[in-house]
Amino acid sequence: MTPDTIRPLFELTDDVVYMNCAAQGPAPKAAAEAGRRAVSRKSRPWEQERNGLSQEMARARELFAGFIGASGTDIALSTATSYAVAVAARNITLEPGQSVVVLESQFPSNLYAWQLLAERSGATMTVVPWPSDGDWTSAVLEHIGPETGLVTLPNVHWVDGGTLDLGPIADVAHAQGAAIFIDATQSIGVLPLDVARIDPDYVACSAYKWLLSPDQCGYLYVAPRRQHGEPVEHNHAARIGDGPMTLSPGYGRTFQPGAKRFDQGAADAMIHLPMAVTAMEQIAEWGVEAIASGIEPIVDRIADEAANRGWGVPPKPYRSPHFIGLTLPEPPMPDLAERLAADNVHVSLRSGRVRVAPYLFNRVEEVEILFAALDRYVRSAA
């Protein structure tokens, strides 16, 4: 599995340096073709192919569950992490005086609902400051105590790829009786996550990044102990009707088993599901560990080139293998990403850092092109 074998599977021309998967993962050609077939299916809904939606939903659950060591029955279908957070916030109870542990500069979708829950519950927010040594795990552990009611974290910081070891964090959180919510949007599809080891209450993932899926595709793992909670919305597909809709209104008080009760309305997206399933099947075929090991040499080379210029990067022991944030010697020009894009080099600017997120299709030589473009707009501190 090399860039030369992977690149033809994507719509990438030789002049494009795309290192922005933390913002938007490109759909493989096979997934795009599945989407075109799905659009055709949408234009002819009277044909039998529409009847495959329920099987596609089940397959999507199974594939996502396979990436985290769960069962398909534990997975709800959502469109965004913010929806998954809303489900969890509906079902997690905080007491006055308890605290919610979050990271400094945590992604907004995994912050706003918890701020509101804390305010309504008389709880407080505990913000873990950015560690100067890059060791988020130790920093978080220092902020979990008897007052902690909820630990809601990513396992990779979205700004610069700094990692958290959720195993020991979960051990301490469980010992304090705290609930655990994980936003794994920036890792699932590239890094393993073992729910049996961590035993979280919820794990959310928006799939349009590292799962190479369309926008409005997402998943929510719901621990079995949480599967009798209340959904955010009450749609007909989440319940078992007392009678068939063909002969009755289809009303019913009994929820679907497992996590299905938390499915977002219109989860049976006729166009999105085939694309998401095809993309995840490709990822499963490559293997998560192989994907990470394939990207890591590119990230390491990026880190070396940045360090040679005196730019800051997360230390190797505390950074992810698949993307990295570069801290420049002075604040970057606001339109730096647009200037680079004009040079056909695609990265993101996030919270003052240049976030570079390559994939298996990137060649080592592209790192030189990236830094040649950066050098036109950023001075060296070395």
Protein backbone atom coordinates (compact mmCIF):
# COMPACT_ATOMS: atom_id res chain seq x y z
CA MET A 1 0.00 0.00 0.00
CA THR A 2 1.88 3.03 -1.32
CA PRO A 3 0.86 6.51 -2.54
CA ASP A 4 1.31 5.29 -6.10
CA THR A 5 -1.30 2.56 -5.56
CA ILE A 6 -3.66 4.66 -3.42
CA ARG A 7 -3.68 7.93 -5.37
CA PRO A 8 -5.44 6.52 -8.47
CA LEU A 9 -8.36 5.57 -6.20
CA PHE A 10 -9.09 9.29 -5.65
CA GLU A 11 -9.90 12.22 -7.94
CA LEU A 12 -6.49 13.81 -7.45
CA THR A 13 -4.47 15.29 -10.26
CA ASP A 14 -0.68 15.34 -9.98
CA ASP A 15 -0.53 19.09 -9.40
CA VAL A 16 -2.78 19.02 -6.29
CA VAL A 17 -1.15 18.80 -2.86
CA TYR A 18 -4.11 17.96 -0.65
CA MET A 19 -3.22 17.81 3.05
CA ASN A 20 -6.53 18.90 4.55
CA CYS A 21 -8.30 15.69 5.57
CA ALA A 22 -8.88 17.02 9.08
CA ALA A 23 -11.24 19.50 7.42
CA GLN A 24 -12.71 17.35 4.64
CA GLY A 25 -11.76 13.83 3.62
CA PRO A 26 -12.11 13.30 -0.13
CA ALA A 27 -14.46 10.53 -1.19
CA PRO A 28 -12.74 7.67 -2.98
CA LYS A 29 -13.79 7.21 -6.59
CA ALA A 30 -15.72 4.08 -5.63
CA ALA A 31 -17.73 6.04 -3.07
CA ALA A 32 -18.38 8.83 -5.56
CA GLU A 33 -19.64 6.26 -8.05
CA ALA A 34 -21.89 4.78 -5.36
CA GLY A 35 -23.24 8.29 -4.86
CA ARG A 36 -23.95 8.71 -8.55
CA ARG A 37 -25.87 5.43 -8.56
CA ALA A 38 -27.74 6.63 -5.48
CA VAL A 39 -28.70 9.88 -7.18
CA SER A 40 -30.09 7.79 -10.02
CA ARG A 41 -31.98 5.72 -7.46
CA LYS A 42 -33.41 8.89 -5.97
CA SER A 43 -34.64 9.99 -9.38
CA ARG A 44 -36.45 6.65 -9.81
CA PRO A 45 -37.79 5.76 -6.35
CA TRP A 46 -40.36 3.39 -7.81
CA GLU A 47 -37.63 0.90 -8.69
CA GLN A 48 -36.70 -1.97 -6.38
CA GLU A 49 -33.21 -0.70 -5.49
CA ARG A 50 -34.76 1.70 -2.98
CA ASN A 51 -35.67 -1.32 -0.87
CA GLY A 52 -32.00 -1.81 0.03
CA LEU A 53 -31.91 1.15 2.43
CA SER A 54 -32.50 -0.87 5.60
CA GLN A 55 -29.61 -3.20 4.73
CA GLU A 56 -27.37 -0.19 4.04
CA MET A 57 -28.24 1.30 7.42
CA ALA A 58 -27.37 -1.96 9.14
CA ARG A 59 -24.12 -2.22 7.20
CA ALA A 60 -23.13 1.34 8.15
CA ARG A 61 -23.70 0.55 11.83
CA GLU A 62 -21.66 -2.65 11.59
CA LEU A 63 -18.76 -1.00 9.81
CA PHE A 64 -18.53 1.89 12.24
CA ALA A 65 -18.86 -0.46 15.20
CA GLY A 66 -15.96 -2.49 13.84
CA PHE A 67 -13.66 0.53 14.10
CA ILE A 68 -14.30 0.90 17.85
CA GLY A 69 -14.83 -2.68 18.97
CA ALA A 70 -18.58 -2.33 19.48
CA SER A 71 -21.71 -4.04 18.17
CA GLY A 72 -23.87 -2.60 15.41
CA THR A 73 -26.79 -2.53 17.86
CA ASP A 74 -24.85 0.05 19.92
CA ILE A 75 -24.66 2.57 17.06
CA ALA A 76 -27.12 5.35 16.29
CA LEU A 77 -27.06 7.20 12.97
CA SER A 78 -26.74 10.98 13.15
CA THR A 79 -25.73 13.79 10.83
CA ALA A 80 -23.26 15.63 13.07
CA THR A 81 -21.33 15.52 16.31
CA SER A 82 -23.47 18.38 17.63
CA TYR A 83 -26.55 16.15 17.34
CA ALA A 84 -24.75 13.33 19.16
CA VAL A 85 -23.74 15.76 21.92
CA ALA A 86 -27.37 16.88 22.21
CA VAL A 87 -28.46 13.26 22.72
CA ALA A 88 -25.87 12.74 25.45
CA ALA A 89 -26.65 16.07 27.14
CA ARG A 90 -30.32 15.07 27.26
CA ASN A 91 -29.41 11.95 29.23
CA ILE A 92 -26.49 12.92 31.46
CA THR A 93 -27.39 14.36 34.86
CA LEU A 94 -25.16 16.76 36.75
CA GLU A 95 -25.56 17.81 40.36
CA PRO A 96 -24.94 21.29 41.79
CA GLY A 97 -21.26 21.68 42.56
CA GLN A 98 -20.09 19.05 40.09
CA SER A 99 -17.74 19.93 37.25
CA VAL A 100 -17.43 19.19 33.55
CA VAL A 101 -13.86 18.61 32.34
CA VAL A 102 -13.01 19.95 28.87
CA LEU A 103 -9.84 21.01 27.06
CA GLU A 104 -8.70 24.52 26.28
CA SER A 105 -9.78 25.34 22.71
CA GLN A 106 -11.99 22.27 22.56
CA PHE A 107 -14.10 22.00 19.41
CA PRO A 108 -17.28 24.09 19.81
CA SER A 109 -19.70 21.24 19.05
CA ASN A 110 -18.31 19.42 22.10
CA LEU A 111 -18.55 22.46 24.34
CA TYR A 112 -21.69 24.55 23.95
CA ALA A 113 -24.22 21.94 25.10
CA TRP A 114 -22.11 21.13 28.16
CA GLN A 115 -21.84 24.79 29.11
CA LEU A 116 -25.63 25.02 28.97
CA LEU A 117 -26.08 21.79 30.96
CA ALA A 118 -23.65 22.99 33.63
CA GLU A 119 -25.40 26.34 33.87
CA ARG A 120 -28.81 24.73 34.26
CA SER A 121 -27.55 22.16 36.76
CA GLY A 122 -25.52 24.44 39.01
CA ALA A 123 -22.33 22.71 37.86
CA THR A 124 -19.12 24.34 36.70
CA MET A 125 -16.79 24.01 33.73
CA THR A 126 -13.21 22.87 34.36
CA VAL A 127 -11.02 23.87 31.41
CA VAL A 128 -7.71 22.01 31.20
CA PRO A 129 -5.05 24.53 30.10
CA TRP A 130 -2.92 23.79 27.07
CA PRO A 131 0.10 21.88 28.46
CA SER A 132 3.45 23.48 27.70
CA ASP A 133 5.05 20.03 27.24
CA GLY A 134 2.24 18.72 24.99
CA ASP A 135 1.18 16.04 27.51
CA TRP A 136 -2.59 16.39 27.50
CA THR A 137 -3.11 13.11 29.35
CA SER A 138 -1.24 14.19 32.48
CA ALA A 139 -2.87 17.61 32.33
CA VAL A 140 -6.37 16.10 32.24
CA LEU A 141 -5.61 13.67 35.05
CA GLU A 142 -4.63 16.60 37.28
CA HIS A 143 -8.10 18.11 36.80
CA ILE A 144 -10.28 15.07 37.57
CA GLY A 145 -11.38 14.80 41.18
CA PRO A 146 -14.30 13.91 43.47
CA GLU A 147 -16.29 16.86 42.09
CA THR A 148 -16.03 15.66 38.48
CA GLY A 149 -19.40 14.67 37.05
CA LEU A 150 -18.50 14.49 33.36
CA VAL A 151 -15.32 14.16 31.33
CA THR A 152 -16.01 15.15 27.71
CA LEU A 153 -12.95 15.01 25.50
CA PRO A 154 -11.54 14.21 22.10
CA ASN A 155 -8.76 11.67 21.82
CA VAL A 156 -6.96 13.96 19.36
CA HIS A 157 -7.02 17.75 19.69
CA TRP A 158 -8.54 19.15 16.51
CA VAL A 159 -6.17 22.14 16.33
CA ASP A 160 -2.74 20.48 16.27
CA GLY A 161 -3.11 16.69 16.54
CA GLY A 162 -2.06 16.48 20.20
CA THR A 163 -3.18 13.10 21.58
CA LEU A 164 -4.84 11.95 24.78
CA ASP A 165 -4.45 8.46 26.22
CA LEU A 166 -8.06 7.80 27.14
CA GLY A 167 -7.35 4.55 29.00
CA PRO A 168 -5.88 6.01 32.19
CA ILE A 169 -8.18 9.03 31.94
CA ALA A 170 -11.18 6.71 31.83
CA ASP A 171 -9.89 4.69 34.78
CA VAL A 172 -9.73 7.79 36.97
CA ALA A 173 -13.05 9.15 35.69
CA HIS A 174 -14.82 5.86 36.41
CA ALA A 175 -13.29 5.75 39.89
CA GLN A 176 -14.90 9.15 40.55
CA GLY A 177 -18.25 8.03 39.12
CA ALA A 178 -18.05 10.51 36.25
CA ALA A 179 -19.72 10.04 32.88
CA ILE A 180 -17.47 9.94 29.79
CA PHE A 181 -18.23 11.44 26.37
CA ILE A 182 -15.69 11.14 23.54
CA ASP A 183 -15.63 13.18 20.35
CA ALA A 184 -13.58 10.91 18.08
CA THR A 185 -14.26 12.78 14.84
CA GLN A 186 -10.57 13.46 14.27
CA SER A 187 -9.44 9.88 14.77
CA ILE A 188 -11.90 7.14 13.83
CA GLY A 189 -10.80 5.68 10.52
CA VAL A 190 -7.12 6.29 11.33
CA LEU A 191 -6.58 5.45 15.00
CA PRO A 192 -7.99 2.51 16.97
CA LEU A 193 -10.44 3.22 19.77
CA ASP A 194 -11.46 0.38 22.10
CA VAL A 195 -14.77 0.99 23.86
CA ALA A 196 -14.33 -2.21 25.85
CA ARG A 197 -11.16 -0.77 27.38
CA ILE A 198 -12.40 2.80 27.89
CA ASP A 199 -16.06 2.01 28.67
CA PRO A 200 -17.37 5.44 27.67
CA ASP A 201 -21.01 6.41 27.94
CA TYR A 202 -21.01 7.87 24.42
CA VAL A 203 -18.66 8.18 21.45
CA ALA A 204 -19.50 10.57 18.61
CA CYS A 205 -18.00 10.88 15.15
CA SER A 206 -18.74 13.09 12.17
CA ALA A 207 -17.81 10.95 9.17
CA TYR A 208 -16.89 13.54 6.54
CA LYS A 209 -13.27 13.73 7.64
CA TRP A 210 -11.28 10.54 8.23
CA LEU A 211 -14.14 8.20 7.27
CA LEU A 212 -14.09 9.81 3.79
CA SER A 213 -17.88 10.07 3.79
CA PRO A 214 -20.35 12.76 2.70
CA ASP A 215 -21.34 15.70 4.85
CA GLN A 216 -24.29 14.96 7.13
CA CYS A 217 -23.03 11.47 7.93
CA GLY A 218 -22.24 10.67 11.53
CA TYR A 219 -22.44 8.03 14.22
CA LEU A 220 -23.06 7.81 17.95
CA TYR A 221 -21.97 4.89 20.09
CA VAL A 222 -24.31 4.50 23.06
CA ALA A 223 -23.17 2.24 25.89
CA PRO A 224 -25.72 -0.48 26.72
CA ARG A 225 -26.34 1.13 30.12
CA ARG A 226 -27.45 4.30 28.31
CA GLN A 227 -29.67 2.69 25.69
CA HIS A 228 -32.89 3.24 27.62
CA GLY A 229 -32.50 7.02 27.62
CA GLU A 230 -34.62 9.67 25.95
CA PRO A 231 -34.00 10.67 22.33
CA VAL A 232 -33.68 14.29 21.31
CA GLU A 233 -36.43 13.84 18.75
CA HIS A 234 -39.27 11.36 18.36
CA ASN A 235 -39.48 10.08 14.81
CA HIS A 236 -41.56 7.17 13.62
CA ALA A 237 -38.58 5.01 12.60
CA ALA A 238 -37.25 4.99 16.16
CA ARG A 239 -40.34 3.15 17.41
CA ILE A 240 -42.10 -0.11 16.77
CA GLY A 241 -45.63 0.61 15.65
CA ASP A 242 -48.55 -1.17 17.29
CA GLY A 243 -49.75 -1.77 13.74
CA PRO A 244 -48.24 -1.40 10.27
CA MET A 245 -48.36 2.06 8.69
CA THR A 246 -50.03 0.48 5.69
CA LEU A 247 -53.18 -0.11 7.73
CA SER A 248 -52.83 2.33 10.66
CA PRO A 249 -51.03 5.51 11.68
CA GLY A 250 -48.16 3.34 12.85
CA TYR A 251 -48.09 4.79 16.35
CA GLY A 252 -46.27 2.86 19.05
CA ARG A 253 -44.86 3.38 22.54
CA THR A 254 -42.10 0.78 22.22
CA PHE A 255 -38.72 1.99 21.03
CA GLN A 256 -36.53 0.13 18.60
CA PRO A 257 -33.95 -2.04 20.39
CA GLY A 258 -30.42 -0.92 21.14
CA ALA A 259 -29.21 2.51 20.05
CA LYS A 260 -31.69 2.84 17.17
CA ARG A 261 -34.03 4.91 19.34
CA PHE A 262 -31.45 7.71 19.07
CA ASP A 263 -31.30 7.73 15.26
CA GLN A 264 -31.75 11.17 13.81
CA GLY A 265 -34.81 11.66 11.65
CA ALA A 266 -34.27 10.76 7.98
CA ALA A 267 -31.26 8.63 8.90
CA ASP A 268 -32.14 6.48 5.89
CA ALA A 269 -30.45 8.97 3.56
CA MET A 270 -30.84 7.50 0.11
CA ILE A 271 -27.76 9.18 -1.36
CA HIS A 272 -25.41 9.48 1.62
CA LEU A 273 -25.62 5.92 2.93
CA PRO A 274 -24.22 4.12 -0.12
CA MET A 275 -21.31 6.54 -0.26
CA ALA A 276 -20.56 6.15 3.44
CA VAL A 277 -20.76 2.36 3.32
CA THR A 278 -18.47 2.17 0.29
CA ALA A 279 -15.91 4.49 1.90
CA MET A 280 -15.90 2.59 5.19
CA GLU A 281 -15.58 -0.73 3.42
CA GLN A 282 -12.45 0.61 1.73
CA ILE A 283 -11.04 1.82 5.05
CA ALA A 284 -11.78 -1.55 6.65
CA GLU A 285 -10.00 -3.28 3.78
CA TRP A 286 -6.89 -1.13 4.24
CA GLY A 287 -6.99 -1.48 8.02
CA VAL A 288 -6.83 1.33 10.56
CA GLU A 289 -3.33 0.49 11.79
CA ALA A 290 -2.01 0.34 8.22
CA ILE A 291 -3.55 3.73 7.43
CA ALA A 292 -1.91 5.32 10.46
CA SER A 293 1.48 3.79 9.72
CA GLY A 294 1.21 4.90 6.10
CA ILE A 295 0.54 8.54 7.01
CA GLU A 296 2.95 8.83 9.94
CA PRO A 297 6.19 9.18 7.90
CA ILE A 298 4.68 12.16 6.10
CA VAL A 299 3.68 13.81 9.38
CA ASP A 300 7.12 13.13 10.86
CA ARG A 301 8.75 14.75 7.84
CA ILE A 302 6.47 17.76 8.19
CA ALA A 303 7.43 18.04 11.86
CA ASP A 304 11.14 17.90 11.00
CA GLU A 305 10.84 20.58 8.33
CA ALA A 306 8.88 22.82 10.71
CA ALA A 307 11.41 22.31 13.51
CA ASN A 308 14.24 23.17 11.11
CA ARG A 309 12.59 26.56 10.66
CA GLY A 310 12.11 27.08 14.36
CA TRP A 311 8.35 26.54 14.22
CA GLY A 312 6.58 24.79 17.05
CA VAL A 313 5.06 21.30 16.75
CA PRO A 314 3.65 18.84 19.30
CA PRO A 315 6.39 16.54 20.61
CA LYS A 316 6.52 13.13 18.93
CA PRO A 317 5.32 11.17 22.01
CA TYR A 318 2.23 13.37 22.30
CA ARG A 319 1.09 13.85 18.72
CA SER A 320 -1.10 11.84 16.41
CA PRO A 321 0.41 10.03 13.43
CA HIS A 322 -2.03 11.51 10.93
CA PHE A 323 -2.09 15.31 11.29
CA ILE A 324 -0.15 18.10 12.93
CA GLY A 325 -0.47 21.79 13.79
CA LEU A 326 2.46 24.14 13.14
CA THR A 327 2.94 27.11 15.47
CA LEU A 328 4.53 29.94 13.52
CA PRO A 329 6.95 32.53 14.98
CA GLU A 330 4.29 35.22 14.61
CA PRO A 331 0.53 35.18 13.96
CA PRO A 332 -0.15 34.03 10.39
CA MET A 333 -1.81 36.27 7.85
CA PRO A 334 -5.57 35.60 8.04
CA ASP A 335 -5.75 34.52 4.40
CA LEU A 336 -2.73 32.20 4.52
CA ALA A 337 -4.79 29.09 3.68
CA GLU A 338 -6.33 30.86 0.68
CA ARG A 339 -2.91 31.96 -0.55
CA LEU A 340 -1.61 28.41 -0.30
CA ALA A 341 -4.71 27.08 -2.06
CA ALA A 342 -3.97 29.44 -4.94
CA ASP A 343 -0.67 27.57 -5.21
CA ASN A 344 -2.61 24.27 -5.22
CA VAL A 345 -1.47 23.43 -1.69
CA HIS A 346 -4.39 22.71 0.62
CA VAL A 347 -4.17 22.93 4.42
CA SER A 348 -6.19 24.68 7.15
CA LEU A 349 -5.59 27.54 9.53
CA ARG A 350 -6.97 26.64 12.96
CA SER A 351 -6.67 28.72 16.13
CA GLY A 352 -3.53 30.41 14.84
CA ARG A 353 -1.83 27.19 13.76
CA VAL A 354 -1.26 25.77 10.30
CA ARG A 355 -2.99 22.39 10.45
CA VAL A 356 -1.58 19.88 7.97
CA ALA A 357 -3.52 16.64 7.53
CA PRO A 358 -2.18 14.30 4.82
CA TYR A 359 -3.47 10.89 3.78
CA LEU A 360 -2.25 7.71 2.15
CA PHE A 361 -2.26 9.36 -1.28
CA ASN A 362 0.36 11.95 -0.30
CA ARG A 363 3.98 11.39 -1.36
CA VAL A 364 6.98 12.43 0.72
CA GLU A 365 8.04 14.77 -2.10
CA GLU A 366 4.87 16.79 -1.54
CA VAL A 367 6.24 17.91 1.81
CA GLU A 368 8.89 19.90 -0.08
CA ILE A 369 6.18 21.54 -2.18
CA LEU A 370 4.21 22.38 0.98
CA PHE A 371 7.16 24.08 2.66
CA ALA A 372 8.26 25.87 -0.48
CA ALA A 373 4.78 27.43 -0.52
CA LEU A 374 4.86 28.19 3.22
CA ASP A 375 8.28 29.80 2.92
CA ARG A 376 6.82 32.35 0.52
CA TYR A 377 4.51 33.66 3.23
CA VAL A 378 6.07 32.75 6.59
CA ARG A 379 9.46 33.74 7.93
CA SER A 380 11.76 31.24 9.60
CA ALA A 381 12.53 31.62 13.31
CA ALA A 382 15.66 29.49 13.08
